[in-house]
Amino acid sequence: MKTKILTLLAASTLVFFSACSEDAESSKSLVERCEALTEDCLIGTWTLKSIVQKSDQQNIQDFSNAQGGTLEFREDGVYHYERSSIGECIDVADEGHWSVDEDTGTLTLKSDKQGVCVDFGKTFTINPKIDITGETSVSLTLNAVIFQQAENEQGDNTEMFVRTE
């Protein structure tokens, strides 16, 4: 009987401390979660702010005055990109699966829906850059043009998204 009580007490303690550590993790701010490229950082909705030239960081297309597209990373490993009223692909959303390799800092996106701008089954493996842009804002530079390909040559350009708390 004593063994059963001790086992039950140990299990209860383990569950209590596990719940506390999860609460501490979820209470981190966006900026704290995005100190590195992690799943926890990416999950949420990001707004396309601009397309810039990688070599000199000059804006090719600025979405500050108009709603850029939104990129949502979901907890279930699905991404969803909804275009704004800009561009040729406004009526078709891109959707697929995403994963992060935290050790190598790579993000993989695989299109699972036939769209106008991103072909079904196409896989992108990129090394995005995360920048803290303020006390409550983070930017995600993909280092590629993936979602606005119809409007821009892929070459030396990159899409830049912003997320705020």
C-alpha atoms as a PDB file:
ATOM      1  CA  MET A   1       0.000   0.000   0.000  1.00  0.00           C
ATOM      2  CA  LYS A   2       2.839   2.358   0.902  1.00  0.00           C
ATOM      3  CA  THR A   3       4.462   1.708  -2.509  1.00  0.00           C
ATOM      4  CA  LYS A   4       1.230   2.588  -4.318  1.00  0.00           C
ATOM      5  CA  ILE A   5       0.904   5.860  -2.401  1.00  0.00           C
ATOM      6  CA  LEU A   6       4.534   6.818  -3.120  1.00  0.00           C
ATOM      7  CA  THR A   7       4.103   5.952  -6.805  1.00  0.00           C
ATOM      8  CA  LEU A   8       0.926   8.051  -7.009  1.00  0.00           C
ATOM      9  CA  LEU A   9       2.660  10.948  -5.227  1.00  0.00           C
ATOM     10  CA  ALA A  10       5.666  10.794  -7.594  1.00  0.00           C
ATOM     11  CA  ALA A  11       3.421  10.715 -10.662  1.00  0.00           C
ATOM     12  CA  SER A  12       1.372  13.670  -9.387  1.00  0.00           C
ATOM     13  CA  THR A  13       4.527  15.674  -8.740  1.00  0.00           C
ATOM     14  CA  LEU A  14       5.847  14.922 -12.233  1.00  0.00           C
ATOM     15  CA  VAL A  15       2.561  16.035 -13.842  1.00  0.00           C
ATOM     16  CA  PHE A  16       2.525  19.225 -11.746  1.00  0.00           C
ATOM     17  CA  PHE A  17       6.066  20.218 -12.726  1.00  0.00           C
ATOM     18  CA  SER A  18       5.435  19.376 -16.398  1.00  0.00           C
ATOM     19  CA  ALA A  19       2.400  21.657 -16.441  1.00  0.00           C
ATOM     20  CA  CYS A  20       4.393  24.439 -14.801  1.00  0.00           C
ATOM     21  CA  SER A  21       7.198  24.224 -17.360  1.00  0.00           C
ATOM     22  CA  GLU A  22       4.669  24.396 -20.227  1.00  0.00           C
ATOM     23  CA  ASP A  23       3.079  27.492 -18.656  1.00  0.00           C
ATOM     24  CA  ALA A  24       6.486  29.169 -18.381  1.00  0.00           C
ATOM     25  CA  GLU A  25       7.212  28.397 -22.043  1.00  0.00           C
ATOM     26  CA  SER A  26       3.861  29.736 -23.259  1.00  0.00           C
ATOM     27  CA  SER A  27       4.235  32.918 -21.203  1.00  0.00           C
ATOM     28  CA  LYS A  28       7.338  33.969 -23.135  1.00  0.00           C
ATOM     29  CA  SER A  29       6.911  37.027 -25.340  1.00  0.00           C
ATOM     30  CA  LEU A  30       7.140  36.801 -29.125  1.00  0.00           C
ATOM     31  CA  VAL A  31      10.574  38.439 -28.991  1.00  0.00           C
ATOM     32  CA  GLU A  32      11.804  35.868 -26.431  1.00  0.00           C
ATOM     33  CA  ARG A  33      10.409  32.975 -28.499  1.00  0.00           C
ATOM     34  CA  CYS A  34      12.111  34.308 -31.648  1.00  0.00           C
ATOM     35  CA  GLU A  35      15.681  34.573 -30.395  1.00  0.00           C
ATOM     36  CA  ALA A  36      16.313  31.719 -32.856  1.00  0.00           C
ATOM     37  CA  LEU A  37      14.397  30.029 -35.665  1.00  0.00           C
ATOM     38  CA  THR A  38      12.068  27.628 -33.844  1.00  0.00           C
ATOM     39  CA  GLU A  39       8.601  26.194 -34.339  1.00  0.00           C
ATOM     40  CA  ASP A  40       7.435  28.187 -31.320  1.00  0.00           C
ATOM     41  CA  CYS A  41       8.602  31.407 -32.972  1.00  0.00           C
ATOM     42  CA  LEU A  42       6.973  30.713 -36.345  1.00  0.00           C
ATOM     43  CA  ILE A  43       3.529  29.552 -35.186  1.00  0.00           C
ATOM     44  CA  GLY A  44       1.122  32.411 -35.824  1.00  0.00           C
ATOM     45  CA  THR A  45       0.269  34.875 -38.582  1.00  0.00           C
ATOM     46  CA  TRP A  46       2.900  36.920 -40.441  1.00  0.00           C
ATOM     47  CA  THR A  47       2.155  39.843 -42.792  1.00  0.00           C
ATOM     48  CA  LEU A  48       4.112  40.411 -46.011  1.00  0.00           C
ATOM     49  CA  LYS A  49       5.762  43.841 -45.698  1.00  0.00           C
ATOM     50  CA  SER A  50       8.090  43.975 -48.681  1.00  0.00           C
ATOM     51  CA  ILE A  51      10.135  42.225 -51.275  1.00  0.00           C
ATOM     52  CA  VAL A  52      13.738  43.365 -51.130  1.00  0.00           C
ATOM     53  CA  GLN A  53      16.865  42.749 -53.142  1.00  0.00           C
ATOM     54  CA  LYS A  54      19.181  40.585 -51.028  1.00  0.00           C
ATOM     55  CA  SER A  55      22.434  42.157 -52.228  1.00  0.00           C
ATOM     56  CA  ASP A  56      21.667  45.772 -51.282  1.00  0.00           C
ATOM     57  CA  GLN A  57      18.470  45.474 -49.177  1.00  0.00           C
ATOM     58  CA  GLN A  58      16.626  47.880 -51.498  1.00  0.00           C
ATOM     59  CA  ASN A  59      12.839  47.520 -51.663  1.00  0.00           C
ATOM     60  CA  ILE A  60      11.612  46.047 -54.923  1.00  0.00           C
ATOM     61  CA  GLN A  61       7.972  46.058 -53.851  1.00  0.00           C
ATOM     62  CA  ASP A  62       6.668  47.739 -50.694  1.00  0.00           C
ATOM     63  CA  PHE A  63       3.451  46.570 -49.077  1.00  0.00           C
ATOM     64  CA  SER A  64       3.425  49.201 -46.282  1.00  0.00           C
ATOM     65  CA  ASN A  65       0.548  51.213 -47.741  1.00  0.00           C
ATOM     66  CA  ALA A  66      -1.452  48.220 -48.935  1.00  0.00           C
ATOM     67  CA  GLN A  67      -2.268  44.951 -47.264  1.00  0.00           C
ATOM     68  CA  GLY A  68       0.353  42.379 -48.196  1.00  0.00           C
ATOM     69  CA  GLY A  69      -0.437  38.719 -48.045  1.00  0.00           C
ATOM     70  CA  THR A  70      -0.617  36.839 -44.764  1.00  0.00           C
ATOM     71  CA  LEU A  71       1.340  33.700 -44.007  1.00  0.00           C
ATOM     72  CA  GLU A  72       0.057  31.525 -41.196  1.00  0.00           C
ATOM     73  CA  PHE A  73       2.110  28.756 -39.628  1.00  0.00           C
ATOM     74  CA  ARG A  74      -0.213  26.408 -37.739  1.00  0.00           C
ATOM     75  CA  GLU A  75       0.676  24.098 -34.862  1.00  0.00           C
ATOM     76  CA  ASP A  76      -0.378  21.053 -36.886  1.00  0.00           C
ATOM     77  CA  GLY A  77       2.450  21.667 -39.393  1.00  0.00           C
ATOM     78  CA  VAL A  78       0.242  23.290 -42.052  1.00  0.00           C
ATOM     79  CA  TYR A  79       1.005  26.670 -43.588  1.00  0.00           C
ATOM     80  CA  HIS A  80      -1.564  28.857 -45.323  1.00  0.00           C
ATOM     81  CA  TYR A  81      -0.729  31.884 -47.478  1.00  0.00           C
ATOM     82  CA  GLU A  82      -3.559  34.229 -48.359  1.00  0.00           C
ATOM     83  CA  ARG A  83      -2.802  36.894 -50.944  1.00  0.00           C
ATOM     84  CA  SER A  84      -4.000  40.460 -50.721  1.00  0.00           C
ATOM     85  CA  SER A  85      -5.654  42.310 -53.559  1.00  0.00           C
ATOM     86  CA  ILE A  86      -2.222  42.858 -55.110  1.00  0.00           C
ATOM     87  CA  GLY A  87      -0.957  40.651 -57.900  1.00  0.00           C
ATOM     88  CA  GLU A  88      -2.153  37.929 -60.189  1.00  0.00           C
ATOM     89  CA  CYS A  89      -2.836  35.240 -57.581  1.00  0.00           C
ATOM     90  CA  ILE A  90      -5.449  36.999 -55.458  1.00  0.00           C
ATOM     91  CA  ASP A  91      -8.183  34.363 -55.618  1.00  0.00           C
ATOM     92  CA  VAL A  92      -6.011  31.343 -54.842  1.00  0.00           C
ATOM     93  CA  ALA A  93      -4.474  30.603 -51.469  1.00  0.00           C
ATOM     94  CA  ASP A  94      -1.374  28.462 -51.131  1.00  0.00           C
ATOM     95  CA  GLU A  95      -1.360  25.732 -48.559  1.00  0.00           C
ATOM     96  CA  GLY A  96       0.997  22.991 -47.583  1.00  0.00           C
ATOM     97  CA  HIS A  97       3.138  21.580 -44.819  1.00  0.00           C
ATOM     98  CA  TRP A  98       6.058  23.177 -43.050  1.00  0.00           C
ATOM     99  CA  SER A  99       8.834  22.022 -40.751  1.00  0.00           C
ATOM    100  CA  VAL A 100      11.871  23.561 -39.080  1.00  0.00           C
ATOM    101  CA  ASP A 101      15.263  21.980 -38.523  1.00  0.00           C
ATOM    102  CA  GLU A 102      16.450  24.011 -35.553  1.00  0.00           C
ATOM    103  CA  ASP A 103      19.966  22.518 -35.707  1.00  0.00           C
ATOM    104  CA  THR A 104      20.611  23.726 -39.261  1.00  0.00           C
ATOM    105  CA  GLY A 105      18.290  26.757 -39.172  1.00  0.00           C
ATOM    106  CA  THR A 106      16.328  25.596 -42.200  1.00  0.00           C
ATOM    107  CA  LEU A 107      12.631  25.923 -42.956  1.00  0.00           C
ATOM    108  CA  THR A 108      10.985  23.509 -45.389  1.00  0.00           C
ATOM    109  CA  LEU A 109       7.722  24.378 -47.130  1.00  0.00           C
ATOM    110  CA  LYS A 110       5.937  21.814 -49.314  1.00  0.00           C
ATOM    111  CA  SER A 111       2.941  22.906 -51.374  1.00  0.00           C
ATOM    112  CA  ASP A 112      -0.002  20.520 -50.980  1.00  0.00           C
ATOM    113  CA  LYS A 113      -2.554  22.489 -52.977  1.00  0.00           C
ATOM    114  CA  GLN A 114      -2.463  23.261 -56.677  1.00  0.00           C
ATOM    115  CA  GLY A 115      -2.340  27.026 -56.953  1.00  0.00           C
ATOM    116  CA  VAL A 116      -1.738  29.538 -59.680  1.00  0.00           C
ATOM    117  CA  CYS A 117       1.619  30.723 -58.347  1.00  0.00           C
ATOM    118  CA  VAL A 118       3.080  27.830 -56.328  1.00  0.00           C
ATOM    119  CA  ASP A 119       2.917  24.423 -57.999  1.00  0.00           C
ATOM    120  CA  PHE A 120       1.492  21.386 -56.213  1.00  0.00           C
ATOM    121  CA  GLY A 121       4.188  19.260 -54.627  1.00  0.00           C
ATOM    122  CA  LYS A 122       6.913  21.907 -54.925  1.00  0.00           C
ATOM    123  CA  THR A 123       9.295  21.900 -51.962  1.00  0.00           C
ATOM    124  CA  PHE A 124      11.361  24.856 -50.785  1.00  0.00           C
ATOM    125  CA  THR A 125      14.136  24.407 -48.235  1.00  0.00           C
ATOM    126  CA  ILE A 126      15.430  27.801 -47.178  1.00  0.00           C
ATOM    127  CA  ASN A 127      17.557  29.445 -44.498  1.00  0.00           C
ATOM    128  CA  PRO A 128      15.357  32.306 -43.317  1.00  0.00           C
ATOM    129  CA  LYS A 129      16.571  35.086 -41.094  1.00  0.00           C
ATOM    130  CA  ILE A 130      14.773  36.185 -37.924  1.00  0.00           C
ATOM    131  CA  ASP A 131      15.299  39.774 -36.740  1.00  0.00           C
ATOM    132  CA  ILE A 132      13.968  41.402 -33.608  1.00  0.00           C
ATOM    133  CA  THR A 133      12.599  44.716 -34.926  1.00  0.00           C
ATOM    134  CA  GLY A 134      11.359  46.256 -31.700  1.00  0.00           C
ATOM    135  CA  GLU A 135      10.131  45.311 -28.244  1.00  0.00           C
ATOM    136  CA  THR A 136       7.095  43.506 -29.655  1.00  0.00           C
ATOM    137  CA  SER A 137       7.880  42.956 -33.340  1.00  0.00           C
ATOM    138  CA  VAL A 138       9.831  40.339 -35.272  1.00  0.00           C
ATOM    139  CA  SER A 139      10.671  40.128 -38.972  1.00  0.00           C
ATOM    140  CA  LEU A 140      11.124  36.950 -40.996  1.00  0.00           C
ATOM    141  CA  THR A 141      13.186  37.211 -44.174  1.00  0.00           C
ATOM    142  CA  LEU A 142      12.757  34.064 -46.275  1.00  0.00           C
ATOM    143  CA  ASN A 143      15.887  34.578 -48.424  1.00  0.00           C
ATOM    144  CA  ALA A 144      13.769  33.618 -51.440  1.00  0.00           C
ATOM    145  CA  VAL A 145      10.633  34.701 -53.266  1.00  0.00           C
ATOM    146  CA  ILE A 146       8.133  31.896 -52.778  1.00  0.00           C
ATOM    147  CA  PHE A 147       4.637  33.352 -52.535  1.00  0.00           C
ATOM    148  CA  GLN A 148       4.846  36.359 -54.881  1.00  0.00           C
ATOM    149  CA  GLN A 149       6.703  34.681 -57.755  1.00  0.00           C
ATOM    150  CA  ALA A 150       4.261  35.885 -60.394  1.00  0.00           C
ATOM    151  CA  GLU A 151       4.998  39.518 -59.536  1.00  0.00           C
ATOM    152  CA  ASN A 152       8.767  39.209 -59.046  1.00  0.00           C
ATOM    153  CA  GLU A 153      11.725  37.403 -60.518  1.00  0.00           C
ATOM    154  CA  GLN A 154      13.144  35.004 -57.948  1.00  0.00           C
ATOM    155  CA  GLY A 155      16.834  35.876 -58.610  1.00  0.00           C
ATOM    156  CA  ASP A 156      18.343  38.029 -55.889  1.00  0.00           C
ATOM    157  CA  ASN A 157      15.060  39.006 -54.188  1.00  0.00           C
ATOM    158  CA  THR A 158      13.530  37.910 -50.900  1.00  0.00           C
ATOM    159  CA  GLU A 159      10.171  38.218 -49.180  1.00  0.00           C
ATOM    160  CA  MET A 160      10.099  39.912 -45.765  1.00  0.00           C
ATOM    161  CA  PHE A 161       7.255  39.287 -43.311  1.00  0.00           C
ATOM    162  CA  VAL A 162       6.525  40.970 -39.983  1.00  0.00           C
ATOM    163  CA  ARG A 163       4.720  39.716 -36.926  1.00  0.00           C
ATOM    164  CA  THR A 164       3.731  41.705 -33.879  1.00  0.00           C
ATOM    165  CA  GLU A 165       2.237  40.713 -30.548  1.00  0.00           C
END
